[in-house]
């Protein structure tokens, strides 16, 4: 399901227009992205938590030149942890 399909499904369930829902989804994702970029956690109980996680610098194999090592610098990456209700619903399927 992509963003347009999600908007259509939510619009059908809430009796709102698809255009309104697309605007809401856009704002929703913007707020999450901006919050996580600032270092905040966004928790939606039952759904999950969005946060920034630090990855340590490490050395790994170079996929282009087997046997050669390359250094991967430390960085901060976005992460999502599914909530209990979400995990249980997926596990039941």
PDB file of N, CA and C in Angstrom:
ATOM      1  N   UNK A   1       0.852  -1.169   0.000  1.00  0.00           N
ATOM      2  CA  UNK A   1       0.000   0.000   0.000  1.00  0.00           C
ATOM      3  C   UNK A   1       0.900   1.235   0.000  1.00  0.00           C
ATOM      4  N   UNK A   2       0.629   2.148  -0.913  1.00  0.00           N
ATOM      5  CA  UNK A   2       1.388   3.390  -0.937  1.00  0.00           C
ATOM      6  C   UNK A   2       0.594   4.513  -0.269  1.00  0.00           C
ATOM      7  N   UNK A   3       1.162   5.711  -0.253  1.00  0.00           N
ATOM      8  CA  UNK A   3       0.542   6.832   0.453  1.00  0.00           C
ATOM      9  C   UNK A   3      -0.842   7.185  -0.119  1.00  0.00           C
ATOM     10  N   UNK A   4      -0.983   7.152  -1.429  1.00  0.00           N
ATOM     11  CA  UNK A   4      -2.267   7.473  -2.059  1.00  0.00           C
ATOM     12  C   UNK A   4      -3.324   6.431  -1.707  1.00  0.00           C
ATOM     13  N   UNK A   5      -2.928   5.157  -1.707  1.00  0.00           N
ATOM     14  CA  UNK A   5      -3.863   4.090  -1.350  1.00  0.00           C
ATOM     15  C   UNK A   5      -4.251   4.184   0.127  1.00  0.00           C
ATOM     16  N   UNK A   6      -3.290   4.519   0.976  1.00  0.00           N
ATOM     17  CA  UNK A   6      -3.570   4.703   2.397  1.00  0.00           C
ATOM     18  C   UNK A   6      -4.561   5.848   2.591  1.00  0.00           C
ATOM     19  N   UNK A   7      -4.330   6.955   1.900  1.00  0.00           N
ATOM     20  CA  UNK A   7      -5.225   8.106   2.005  1.00  0.00           C
ATOM     21  C   UNK A   7      -6.639   7.736   1.565  1.00  0.00           C
ATOM     22  N   UNK A   8      -6.751   6.973   0.488  1.00  0.00           N
ATOM     23  CA  UNK A   8      -8.064   6.554  -0.005  1.00  0.00           C
ATOM     24  C   UNK A   8      -8.774   5.666   1.015  1.00  0.00           C
ATOM     25  N   UNK A   9      -8.044   4.752   1.629  1.00  0.00           N
ATOM     26  CA  UNK A   9      -8.627   3.846   2.637  1.00  0.00           C
ATOM     27  C   UNK A   9      -9.090   4.624   3.870  1.00  0.00           C
ATOM     28  N   UNK A  10      -8.253   5.534   4.356  1.00  0.00           N
ATOM     29  CA  UNK A  10      -8.621   6.331   5.528  1.00  0.00           C
ATOM     30  C   UNK A  10      -9.810   7.230   5.198  1.00  0.00           C
ATOM     31  N   UNK A  11      -9.817   7.808   4.011  1.00  0.00           N
ATOM     32  CA  UNK A  11     -10.931   8.669   3.595  1.00  0.00           C
ATOM     33  C   UNK A  11     -12.239   7.886   3.585  1.00  0.00           C
ATOM     34  N   UNK A  12     -12.205   6.661   3.088  1.00  0.00           N
ATOM     35  CA  UNK A  12     -13.405   5.829   3.039  1.00  0.00           C
ATOM     36  C   UNK A  12     -13.902   5.472   4.440  1.00  0.00           C
ATOM     37  N   UNK A  13     -12.963   5.244   5.366  1.00  0.00           N
ATOM     38  CA  UNK A  13     -13.346   4.861   6.725  1.00  0.00           C
ATOM     39  C   UNK A  13     -13.818   6.034   7.566  1.00  0.00           C
ATOM     40  N   UNK A  14     -13.411   7.245   7.216  1.00  0.00           N
ATOM     41  CA  UNK A  14     -13.722   8.406   8.057  1.00  0.00           C
ATOM     42  C   UNK A  14     -14.700   9.389   7.421  1.00  0.00           C
ATOM     43  N   UNK A  15     -15.166   9.086   6.218  1.00  0.00           N
ATOM     44  CA  UNK A  15     -16.076   9.980   5.502  1.00  0.00           C
ATOM     45  C   UNK A  15     -15.478  11.368   5.283  1.00  0.00           C
ATOM     46  N   UNK A  16     -14.175  11.432   5.029  1.00  0.00           N
ATOM     47  CA  UNK A  16     -13.486  12.665   4.667  1.00  0.00           C
ATOM     48  C   UNK A  16     -13.039  12.531   3.216  1.00  0.00           C
ATOM     49  N   UNK A  17     -12.619  13.645   2.643  1.00  0.00           N
ATOM     50  CA  UNK A  17     -12.145  13.582   1.267  1.00  0.00           C
ATOM     51  C   UNK A  17     -10.718  13.044   1.233  1.00  0.00           C
ATOM     52  N   UNK A  18     -10.371  12.424   0.131  1.00  0.00           N
ATOM     53  CA  UNK A  18      -9.023  11.890  -0.040  1.00  0.00           C
ATOM     54  C   UNK A  18      -8.011  13.036   0.021  1.00  0.00           C
ATOM     55  N   UNK A  19      -8.369  14.178  -0.542  1.00  0.00           N
ATOM     56  CA  UNK A  19      -7.475  15.343  -0.542  1.00  0.00           C
ATOM     57  C   UNK A  19      -7.175  15.792   0.890  1.00  0.00           C
ATOM     58  N   UNK A  20      -8.203  15.844   1.740  1.00  0.00           N
ATOM     59  CA  UNK A  20      -8.004  16.235   3.139  1.00  0.00           C
ATOM     60  C   UNK A  20      -7.091  15.239   3.859  1.00  0.00           C
ATOM     61  N   UNK A  21      -7.330  13.968   3.632  1.00  0.00           N
ATOM     62  CA  UNK A  21      -6.521  12.937   4.286  1.00  0.00           C
ATOM     63  C   UNK A  21      -5.079  12.989   3.796  1.00  0.00           C
ATOM     64  N   UNK A  22      -4.858  13.224   2.513  1.00  0.00           N
ATOM     65  CA  UNK A  22      -3.495  13.341   1.993  1.00  0.00           C
ATOM     66  C   UNK A  22      -2.759  14.503   2.661  1.00  0.00           C
ATOM     67  N   UNK A  23      -3.461  15.604   2.881  1.00  0.00           N
ATOM     68  CA  UNK A  23      -2.871  16.760   3.565  1.00  0.00           C
ATOM     69  C   UNK A  23      -2.520  16.405   5.013  1.00  0.00           C
ATOM     70  N   UNK A  24      -3.426  15.702   5.674  1.00  0.00           N
ATOM     71  CA  UNK A  24      -3.189  15.286   7.066  1.00  0.00           C
ATOM     72  C   UNK A  24      -2.008  14.318   7.134  1.00  0.00           C
ATOM     73  N   UNK A  25      -1.969  13.333   6.239  1.00  0.00           N
ATOM     74  CA  UNK A  25      -0.857  12.371   6.228  1.00  0.00           C
ATOM     75  C   UNK A  25       0.470  13.071   5.957  1.00  0.00           C
ATOM     76  N   UNK A  26       0.470  14.035   5.059  1.00  0.00           N
ATOM     77  CA  UNK A  26       1.678  14.794   4.766  1.00  0.00           C
ATOM     78  C   UNK A  26       2.166  15.542   5.992  1.00  0.00           C
ATOM     79  N   UNK A  27       1.246  16.198   6.689  1.00  0.00           N
ATOM     80  CA  UNK A  27       1.600  16.922   7.911  1.00  0.00           C
ATOM     81  C   UNK A  27       2.060  15.959   8.999  1.00  0.00           C
ATOM     82  N   UNK A  28       1.388  14.826   9.106  1.00  0.00           N
ATOM     83  CA  UNK A  28       1.730  13.795  10.089  1.00  0.00           C
ATOM     84  C   UNK A  28       3.170  13.317   9.897  1.00  0.00           C
ATOM     85  N   UNK A  29       3.511  12.970   8.667  1.00  0.00           N
ATOM     86  CA  UNK A  29       4.864  12.488   8.413  1.00  0.00           C
ATOM     87  C   UNK A  29       5.895  13.604   8.584  1.00  0.00           C
ATOM     88  N   UNK A  30       5.541  14.825   8.202  1.00  0.00           N
ATOM     89  CA  UNK A  30       6.463  15.955   8.387  1.00  0.00           C
ATOM     90  C   UNK A  30       6.788  16.165   9.858  1.00  0.00           C
ATOM     91  N   UNK A  31       5.776  16.106  10.707  1.00  0.00           N
ATOM     92  CA  UNK A  31       5.978  16.296  12.151  1.00  0.00           C
ATOM     93  C   UNK A  31       6.867  15.196  12.713  1.00  0.00           C
ATOM     94  N   UNK A  32       6.631  13.960  12.308  1.00  0.00           N
ATOM     95  CA  UNK A  32       7.458  12.843  12.791  1.00  0.00           C
ATOM     96  C   UNK A  32       8.906  13.030  12.337  1.00  0.00           C
ATOM     97  N   UNK A  33       9.109  13.346  11.074  1.00  0.00           N
ATOM     98  CA  UNK A  33      10.465  13.524  10.548  1.00  0.00           C
ATOM     99  C   UNK A  33      11.182  14.660  11.268  1.00  0.00           C
ATOM    100  N   UNK A  34      10.524  15.796  11.439  1.00  0.00           N
ATOM    101  CA  UNK A  34      11.142  16.940  12.108  1.00  0.00           C
ATOM    102  C   UNK A  34      11.464  16.623  13.567  1.00  0.00           C
ATOM    103  N   UNK A  35      10.571  15.942  14.247  1.00  0.00           N
ATOM    104  CA  UNK A  35      10.787  15.596  15.655  1.00  0.00           C
ATOM    105  C   UNK A  35      11.959  14.644  15.823  1.00  0.00           C
ATOM    106  N   UNK A  36      12.010  13.606  15.014  1.00  0.00           N
ATOM    107  CA  UNK A  36      13.095  12.628  15.097  1.00  0.00           C
ATOM    108  C   UNK A  36      14.422  13.282  14.711  1.00  0.00           C
ATOM    109  N   UNK A  37      14.400  14.174  13.725  1.00  0.00           N
ATOM    110  CA  UNK A  37      15.618  14.882  13.313  1.00  0.00           C
ATOM    111  C   UNK A  37      16.173  15.744  14.446  1.00  0.00           C
ATOM    112  N   UNK A  38      15.287  16.259  15.309  1.00  0.00           N
ATOM    113  CA  UNK A  38      15.722  17.056  16.462  1.00  0.00           C
ATOM    114  C   UNK A  38      16.212  16.179  17.612  1.00  0.00           C
ATOM    115  N   UNK A  39      16.012  14.886  17.506  1.00  0.00           N
ATOM    116  CA  UNK A  39      16.446  13.978  18.556  1.00  0.00           C
ATOM    117  C   UNK A  39      15.326  13.532  19.478  1.00  0.00           C
ATOM    118  N   UNK A  40      14.099  13.928  19.186  1.00  0.00           N
ATOM    119  CA  UNK A  40      12.949  13.518  20.002  1.00  0.00           C
ATOM    120  C   UNK A  40      12.459  12.136  19.572  1.00  0.00           C
ATOM    121  N   UNK A  41      11.764  11.475  20.486  1.00  0.00           N
ATOM    122  CA  UNK A  41      11.092  10.208  20.178  1.00  0.00           C
ATOM    123  C   UNK A  41       9.625  10.511  19.942  1.00  0.00           C
ATOM    124  N   UNK A  42       9.021   9.821  19.004  1.00  0.00           N
ATOM    125  CA  UNK A  42       7.587   9.943  18.746  1.00  0.00           C
ATOM    126  C   UNK A  42       6.989   8.575  19.015  1.00  0.00           C
ATOM    127  N   UNK A  43       6.141   8.489  20.040  1.00  0.00           N
ATOM    128  CA  UNK A  43       5.539   7.221  20.430  1.00  0.00           C
ATOM    129  C   UNK A  43       4.038   7.260  20.183  1.00  0.00           C
ATOM    130  N   UNK A  44       3.558   6.299  19.436  1.00  0.00           N
ATOM    131  CA  UNK A  44       2.130   6.120  19.200  1.00  0.00           C
ATOM    132  C   UNK A  44       1.770   4.799  19.868  1.00  0.00           C
ATOM    133  N   UNK A  45       1.159   4.886  21.030  1.00  0.00           N
ATOM    134  CA  UNK A  45       0.878   3.707  21.850  1.00  0.00           C
ATOM    135  C   UNK A  45       0.105   2.671  21.025  1.00  0.00           C
ATOM    136  N   UNK A  46       0.595   1.445  21.047  1.00  0.00           N
ATOM    137  CA  UNK A  46      -0.016   0.349  20.310  1.00  0.00           C
ATOM    138  C   UNK A  46       0.517   0.217  18.901  1.00  0.00           C
ATOM    139  N   UNK A  47       1.016   1.314  18.330  1.00  0.00           N
ATOM    140  CA  UNK A  47       1.541   1.288  16.967  1.00  0.00           C
ATOM    141  C   UNK A  47       3.054   1.143  16.964  1.00  0.00           C
ATOM    142  N   UNK A  48       3.740   2.099  17.611  1.00  0.00           N
ATOM    143  CA  UNK A  48       5.192   1.996  17.643  1.00  0.00           C
ATOM    144  C   UNK A  48       5.871   3.299  17.988  1.00  0.00           C
ATOM    145  N   UNK A  49       7.200   3.276  17.944  1.00  0.00           N
ATOM    146  CA  UNK A  49       8.015   4.422  18.311  1.00  0.00           C
ATOM    147  C   UNK A  49       9.007   4.733  17.192  1.00  0.00           C
ATOM    148  N   UNK A  50       9.076   6.000  16.837  1.00  0.00           N
ATOM    149  CA  UNK A  50      10.048   6.497  15.873  1.00  0.00           C
ATOM    150  C   UNK A  50      11.132   7.220  16.664  1.00  0.00           C
ATOM    151  N   UNK A  51      12.404   6.971  16.342  1.00  0.00           N
ATOM    152  CA  UNK A  51      13.492   7.628  17.043  1.00  0.00           C
ATOM    153  C   UNK A  51      14.749   7.634  16.195  1.00  0.00           C
ATOM    154  N   UNK A  52      15.722   8.429  16.624  1.00  0.00           N
ATOM    155  CA  UNK A  52      17.026   8.440  15.974  1.00  0.00           C
ATOM    156  C   UNK A  52      17.954   7.545  16.790  1.00  0.00           C
ATOM    157  N   UNK A  53      18.730   6.721  16.107  1.00  0.00           N
ATOM    158  CA  UNK A  53      19.685   5.843  16.788  1.00  0.00           C
ATOM    159  C   UNK A  53      21.085   6.107  16.244  1.00  0.00           C
ATOM    160  N   UNK A  54      22.050   6.075  17.163  1.00  0.00           N
ATOM    161  CA  UNK A  54      23.443   6.284  16.776  1.00  0.00           C
ATOM    162  C   UNK A  54      24.062   4.947  16.395  1.00  0.00           C
ATOM    163  N   UNK A  55      24.758   4.945  15.278  1.00  0.00           N
ATOM    164  CA  UNK A  55      25.520   3.763  14.866  1.00  0.00           C
ATOM    165  C   UNK A  55      26.994   4.077  15.059  1.00  0.00           C
ATOM    166  N   UNK A  56      27.705   3.151  15.653  1.00  0.00           N
ATOM    167  CA  UNK A  56      29.129   3.330  15.881  1.00  0.00           C
ATOM    168  C   UNK A  56      29.897   3.167  14.571  1.00  0.00           C
ATOM    169  N   UNK A  57      31.067   3.780  14.524  1.00  0.00           N
ATOM    170  CA  UNK A  57      31.957   3.576  13.382  1.00  0.00           C
ATOM    171  C   UNK A  57      32.404   2.108  13.402  1.00  0.00           C
ATOM    172  N   UNK A  58      32.610   1.544  12.233  1.00  0.00           N
ATOM    173  CA  UNK A  58      33.018   0.151  12.185  1.00  0.00           C
ATOM    174  C   UNK A  58      33.824  -0.118  10.917  1.00  0.00           C
ATOM    175  N   UNK A  59      34.434  -1.265  10.894  1.00  0.00           N
ATOM    176  CA  UNK A  59      35.184  -1.700   9.729  1.00  0.00           C
ATOM    177  C   UNK A  59      34.461  -2.908   9.146  1.00  0.00           C
ATOM    178  N   UNK A  60      34.326  -2.920   7.839  1.00  0.00           N
ATOM    179  CA  UNK A  60      33.614  -4.016   7.196  1.00  0.00           C
ATOM    180  C   UNK A  60      34.301  -4.386   5.879  1.00  0.00           C
ATOM    181  N   UNK A  61      33.850  -5.461   5.267  1.00  0.00           N
ATOM    182  CA  UNK A  61      34.412  -5.887   3.983  1.00  0.00           C
ATOM    183  C   UNK A  61      33.911  -4.984   2.863  1.00  0.00           C
ATOM    184  N   UNK A  62      34.786  -4.685   1.926  1.00  0.00           N
ATOM    185  CA  UNK A  62      34.434  -3.893   0.759  1.00  0.00           C
ATOM    186  C   UNK A  62      33.731  -4.809  -0.247  1.00  0.00           C
ATOM    187  N   UNK A  63      32.458  -4.555  -0.559  1.00  0.00           N
ATOM    188  CA  UNK A  63      31.745  -5.440  -1.480  1.00  0.00           C
ATOM    189  C   UNK A  63      32.279  -5.368  -2.910  1.00  0.00           C
ATOM    190  N   UNK A  64      32.972  -4.275  -3.257  1.00  0.00           N
ATOM    191  CA  UNK A  64      33.505  -4.144  -4.607  1.00  0.00           C
ATOM    192  C   UNK A  64      34.872  -4.795  -4.767  1.00  0.00           C
ATOM    193  N   UNK A  65      35.598  -4.948  -3.648  1.00  0.00           N
ATOM    194  CA  UNK A  65      36.928  -5.562  -3.691  1.00  0.00           C
ATOM    195  C   UNK A  65      37.031  -6.583  -2.564  1.00  0.00           C
ATOM    196  N   UNK A  66      36.667  -7.834  -2.831  1.00  0.00           N
ATOM    197  CA  UNK A  66      36.703  -8.870  -1.794  1.00  0.00           C
ATOM    198  C   UNK A  66      38.059  -8.949  -1.094  1.00  0.00           C
ATOM    199  N   UNK A  67      37.998  -9.114   0.208  1.00  0.00           N
ATOM    200  CA  UNK A  67      39.216  -9.222   0.998  1.00  0.00           C
ATOM    201  C   UNK A  67      39.731  -7.892   1.510  1.00  0.00           C
ATOM    202  N   UNK A  68      39.259  -6.790   0.941  1.00  0.00           N
ATOM    203  CA  UNK A  68      39.693  -5.473   1.379  1.00  0.00           C
ATOM    204  C   UNK A  68      38.701  -4.919   2.409  1.00  0.00           C
ATOM    205  N   UNK A  69      39.214  -4.286   3.446  1.00  0.00           N
ATOM    206  CA  UNK A  69      38.369  -3.704   4.484  1.00  0.00           C
ATOM    207  C   UNK A  69      38.158  -2.217   4.200  1.00  0.00           C
ATOM    208  N   UNK A  70      36.978  -1.699   4.598  1.00  0.00           N
ATOM    209  CA  UNK A  70      36.708  -0.270   4.512  1.00  0.00           C
ATOM    210  C   UNK A  70      36.160   0.201   5.848  1.00  0.00           C
ATOM    211  N   UNK A  71      36.369   1.466   6.144  1.00  0.00           N
ATOM    212  CA  UNK A  71      35.861   2.042   7.382  1.00  0.00           C
ATOM    213  C   UNK A  71      34.538   2.737   7.097  1.00  0.00           C
ATOM    214  N   UNK A  72      33.541   2.431   7.925  1.00  0.00           N
ATOM    215  CA  UNK A  72      32.232   3.062   7.826  1.00  0.00           C
ATOM    216  C   UNK A  72      32.143   4.027   8.998  1.00  0.00           C
ATOM    217  N   UNK A  73      31.935   5.312   8.721  1.00  0.00           N
ATOM    218  CA  UNK A  73      31.907   6.287   9.807  1.00  0.00           C
ATOM    219  C   UNK A  73      30.660   6.151  10.684  1.00  0.00           C
ATOM    220  N   UNK A  74      30.744   6.692  11.889  1.00  0.00           N
ATOM    221  CA  UNK A  74      29.584   6.726  12.791  1.00  0.00           C
ATOM    222  C   UNK A  74      28.524   7.638  12.179  1.00  0.00           C
ATOM    223  N   UNK A  75      27.272   7.319  12.436  1.00  0.00           N
ATOM    224  CA  UNK A  75      26.192   8.160  11.926  1.00  0.00           C
ATOM    225  C   UNK A  75      24.930   7.943  12.743  1.00  0.00           C
ATOM    226  N   UNK A  76      23.972   8.833  12.539  1.00  0.00           N
ATOM    227  CA  UNK A  76      22.673   8.735  13.199  1.00  0.00           C
ATOM    228  C   UNK A  76      21.662   8.342  12.134  1.00  0.00           C
ATOM    229  N   UNK A  77      20.836   7.335  12.444  1.00  0.00           N
ATOM    230  CA  UNK A  77      19.858   6.831  11.481  1.00  0.00           C
ATOM    231  C   UNK A  77      18.466   6.803  12.105  1.00  0.00           C
ATOM    232  N   UNK A  78      17.423   6.966  11.293  1.00  0.00           N
ATOM    233  CA  UNK A  78      16.071   6.848  11.824  1.00  0.00           C
ATOM    234  C   UNK A  78      15.739   5.383  12.094  1.00  0.00           C
ATOM    235  N   UNK A  79      14.919   5.150  13.127  1.00  0.00           N
ATOM    236  CA  UNK A  79      14.533   3.778  13.475  1.00  0.00           C
ATOM    237  C   UNK A  79      13.074   3.744  13.908  1.00  0.00           C
ATOM    238  N   UNK A  80      12.451   2.608  13.682  1.00  0.00           N
ATOM    239  CA  UNK A  80      11.066   2.388  14.101  1.00  0.00           C
ATOM    240  C   UNK A  80      11.000   1.077  14.871  1.00  0.00           C
ATOM    241  N   UNK A  81      10.355   1.113  16.029  1.00  0.00           N
ATOM    242  CA  UNK A  81      10.113  -0.099  16.814  1.00  0.00           C
ATOM    243  C   UNK A  81       8.611  -0.300  16.899  1.00  0.00           C
ATOM    244  N   UNK A  82       8.142  -1.423  16.428  1.00  0.00           N
ATOM    245  CA  UNK A  82       6.708  -1.703  16.451  1.00  0.00           C
ATOM    246  C   UNK A  82       6.229  -1.878  17.886  1.00  0.00           C
ATOM    247  N   UNK A  83       5.018  -1.401  18.147  1.00  0.00           N
ATOM    248  CA  UNK A  83       4.413  -1.538  19.461  1.00  0.00           C
ATOM    249  C   UNK A  83       3.836  -2.932  19.664  1.00  0.00           C
ATOM    250  N   UNK A  84       3.486  -3.215  20.899  1.00  0.00           N
ATOM    251  CA  UNK A  84       2.988  -4.540  21.267  1.00  0.00           C
ATOM    252  C   UNK A  84       1.754  -4.939  20.454  1.00  0.00           C
ATOM    253  N   UNK A  85       0.789  -4.050  20.357  1.00  0.00           N
ATOM    254  CA  UNK A  85      -0.446  -4.351  19.627  1.00  0.00           C
ATOM    255  C   UNK A  85      -0.168  -4.625  18.145  1.00  0.00           C
ATOM    256  N   UNK A  86       0.711  -3.837  17.556  1.00  0.00           N
ATOM    257  CA  UNK A  86       1.107  -4.004  16.153  1.00  0.00           C
ATOM    258  C   UNK A  86       1.766  -5.366  15.952  1.00  0.00           C
ATOM    259  N   UNK A  87       2.717  -5.701  16.828  1.00  0.00           N
ATOM    260  CA  UNK A  87       3.419  -6.980  16.731  1.00  0.00           C
ATOM    261  C   UNK A  87       2.460  -8.160  16.854  1.00  0.00           C
ATOM    262  N   UNK A  88       1.548  -8.066  17.824  1.00  0.00           N
ATOM    263  CA  UNK A  88       0.595  -9.151  18.022  1.00  0.00           C
ATOM    264  C   UNK A  88      -0.322  -9.330  16.826  1.00  0.00           C
ATOM    265  N   UNK A  89      -0.781  -8.231  16.233  1.00  0.00           N
ATOM    266  CA  UNK A  89      -1.673  -8.302  15.083  1.00  0.00           C
ATOM    267  C   UNK A  89      -0.965  -8.942  13.882  1.00  0.00           C
ATOM    268  N   UNK A  90       0.290  -8.579  13.666  1.00  0.00           N
ATOM    269  CA  UNK A  90       1.050  -9.148  12.553  1.00  0.00           C
ATOM    270  C   UNK A  90       1.340 -10.628  12.802  1.00  0.00           C
ATOM    271  N   UNK A  91       1.656 -10.986  14.039  1.00  0.00           N
ATOM    272  CA  UNK A  91       1.973 -12.381  14.388  1.00  0.00           C
ATOM    273  C   UNK A  91       0.755 -13.290  14.237  1.00  0.00           C
ATOM    274  N   UNK A  92      -0.444 -12.751  14.403  1.00  0.00           N
ATOM    275  CA  UNK A  92      -1.672 -13.541  14.287  1.00  0.00           C
ATOM    276  C   UNK A  92      -2.009 -13.898  12.850  1.00  0.00           C
ATOM    277  N   UNK A  93      -1.460 -13.201  11.891  1.00  0.00           N
ATOM    278  CA  UNK A  93      -1.805 -13.435  10.482  1.00  0.00           C
ATOM    279  C   UNK A  93      -1.096 -14.615   9.918  1.00  0.00           C
TER     280      UNK A  93
END
